[in-house]
Each structure stands twice: as C-alpha cells, then as structure tokens.
C-alpha cells in the first residue's frame, strides 16, 4: 500500500479516535485521554494506537477499560469512517510514555529546574 495513503488514513483514525475519546471523557469528569499517535500496518489490517491519559494515577484503570471495550471503540470508529474505509483495522491500544521518558532524561542530564538550597 502507498505510504502516503497509509499516513493519511492513520491521521484520520487518530482524529476520529480523539473525538470519540473526548466525547466519552466528558462523562467522566477529571480524566483526559489524548491520542498521540497511530501506527498502521502496511496492509491496514491493524493499528497501534498510543494514548496519553491524564491524570497518570488513573491511567492503568482507564487502559484496562479501553482494552476491554476495544471492540466497541472499533465499532464506533467504523460508523464514523464507513464512507472512507472498507475494513476498519484491529485496534491495539498502548500507553504513550514519551512525556515521562523525556522528563526522566531531563532529570538525568540535570536540565530540570531544581529548587536551590540556601
């Protein structure tokens, strides 16, 4: 499959999932889910979806719920993208830890603001 098409489809899936999660999190006050990246297989059969969940202390609970309801999320995505895709890819959800990873690197390099001791 053409790489340009794969990237366009991945961006559209990311956008539509972002809207779905935004609508769903309106019901649960205080939790925010962002779709940070979608990586599609070349044949568009599966999509690895990276999520950023705020606050971090509820991330594991929300990921468990999302993985248990992945078929429902895929169905809702299919309803939104029916005119654009013939087959909706299998969704594989993962937590995006890039923010925490970058923060940890900054700490190790001493680039974060640390309180001065006087």
Protein backbone atom coordinates (compact mmCIF):
# COMPACT_ATOMS: atom_id res chain seq x y z
CA UNK A 1 0.00 0.00 0.00
CA UNK A 2 1.15 3.53 -0.71
CA UNK A 3 2.94 5.12 2.28
CA UNK A 4 1.23 8.46 1.72
CA UNK A 5 -2.21 6.83 1.87
CA UNK A 6 -1.23 4.87 4.99
CA UNK A 7 -0.15 8.09 6.71
CA UNK A 8 -3.35 9.88 5.71
CA UNK A 9 -5.51 7.03 7.00
CA UNK A 10 -3.50 6.92 10.25
CA UNK A 11 -4.03 10.66 10.77
CA UNK A 12 -7.77 10.34 10.12
CA UNK A 13 -8.05 7.41 12.54
CA UNK A 14 -6.14 9.46 15.12
CA UNK A 15 -8.51 12.40 14.62
CA UNK A 16 -11.67 10.31 14.81
CA UNK A 17 -10.49 8.37 17.88
CA UNK A 18 -9.56 11.67 19.53
CA UNK A 19 -13.12 12.89 19.02
CA UNK A 20 -14.56 9.61 20.31
CA UNK A 21 -12.44 9.68 23.46
CA UNK A 22 -13.19 13.36 24.01
CA UNK A 23 -16.92 12.66 23.87
CA UNK A 24 -16.56 9.69 26.21
CA UNK A 25 -14.41 11.51 28.77
CA UNK A 26 -16.97 14.30 29.07
CA UNK A 27 -18.99 11.75 31.04
CA UNK A 28 -16.08 11.04 33.40
CA UNK A 29 -15.08 14.33 34.96
CA UNK A 30 -11.39 14.90 35.56
CA UNK A 31 -9.97 12.38 33.07
CA UNK A 32 -8.49 13.37 29.74
CA UNK A 33 -7.44 10.93 27.01
CA UNK A 34 -5.39 12.08 24.04
CA UNK A 35 -4.48 10.00 21.01
CA UNK A 36 -0.83 10.87 20.48
CA UNK A 37 -0.01 8.58 17.55
CA UNK A 38 -1.49 5.88 15.33
CA UNK A 39 0.79 3.43 13.53
CA UNK A 40 -0.87 1.39 10.80
CA UNK A 41 0.39 -1.85 9.33
CA UNK A 42 1.14 -1.57 5.60
CA UNK A 43 -1.96 -3.62 4.72
CA UNK A 44 -4.18 -1.51 7.05
CA UNK A 45 -5.24 -4.61 8.99
CA UNK A 46 -4.09 -3.38 12.40
CA UNK A 47 -3.46 -0.05 14.06
CA UNK A 48 -1.33 0.51 17.13
CA UNK A 49 -2.90 3.44 18.99
CA UNK A 50 -0.82 5.35 21.55
CA UNK A 51 -2.78 7.12 24.27
CA UNK A 52 -1.82 9.76 26.80
CA UNK A 53 -4.06 9.65 29.87
CA UNK A 54 -4.28 12.40 32.47
CA UNK A 55 -4.10 12.10 35.47
CA UNK A 56 -1.40 9.44 35.49
CA UNK A 57 -2.73 7.72 38.61
CA UNK A 58 -5.85 6.61 36.69
CA UNK A 59 -4.03 5.56 33.51
CA UNK A 60 -3.91 1.84 34.32
CA UNK A 61 -7.60 1.70 35.19
CA UNK A 62 -8.58 3.57 32.02
CA UNK A 63 -6.33 1.43 29.81
CA UNK A 64 -7.91 -1.70 31.26
CA UNK A 65 -11.37 -0.31 30.45
CA UNK A 66 -10.33 0.73 26.94
CA UNK A 67 -8.79 -2.67 26.15
CA UNK A 68 -11.89 -4.47 27.45
CA UNK A 69 -14.07 -2.28 25.22
CA UNK A 70 -11.79 -2.22 22.17
CA UNK A 71 -14.43 -3.90 20.00
CA UNK A 72 -16.96 -1.18 20.89
CA UNK A 73 -14.42 1.55 20.12
CA UNK A 74 -13.66 -0.15 16.79
CA UNK A 75 -17.40 -0.35 16.01
CA UNK A 76 -17.87 3.36 16.78
CA UNK A 77 -14.83 4.20 14.66
CA UNK A 78 -16.30 2.10 11.85
CA UNK A 79 -19.53 4.06 11.98
CA UNK A 80 -17.59 7.30 11.65
CA UNK A 81 -15.30 6.11 8.85
CA UNK A 82 -17.66 3.83 6.89
CA UNK A 83 -17.53 6.02 3.80
CA UNK A 84 -13.72 6.21 3.87
CA UNK A 85 -12.60 2.65 4.70
CA UNK A 86 -13.95 -0.71 3.64
CA UNK A 87 -12.36 -2.55 6.58
CA UNK A 88 -11.65 -0.98 9.96
CA UNK A 89 -8.28 -2.11 11.32
CA UNK A 90 -7.91 -4.05 14.56
CA UNK A 91 -7.08 -1.54 17.30
CA UNK A 92 -4.20 -2.24 19.68
CA UNK A 93 -4.06 0.31 22.49
CA UNK A 94 -0.88 1.26 24.36
CA UNK A 95 0.06 3.99 26.81
CA UNK A 96 2.35 6.66 25.38
CA UNK A 97 5.15 7.12 27.89
CA UNK A 98 7.16 9.57 25.80
CA UNK A 99 6.45 12.52 28.14
CA UNK A 100 7.63 10.62 31.22
CA UNK A 101 10.63 9.31 29.27
CA UNK A 102 11.65 12.83 28.19
CA UNK A 103 11.20 14.11 31.73
CA UNK A 104 13.41 11.32 33.10
CA UNK A 105 16.15 12.14 30.56
CA UNK A 106 15.99 15.80 31.58
CA UNK A 107 16.36 14.78 35.23
CA UNK A 108 19.37 12.60 34.44
CA UNK A 109 21.00 15.38 32.45
CA UNK A 110 20.25 17.92 35.15
CA UNK A 111 18.16 20.08 32.83
CA UNK A 112 15.09 20.33 35.05
CA UNK A 113 14.60 23.19 37.44
CA UNK A 114 15.59 22.04 40.87
CA UNK A 115 14.95 24.15 43.94
CA UNK A 116 18.05 25.91 45.14
CA UNK A 117 19.23 25.25 48.68
CA UNK A 118 20.28 28.27 50.62
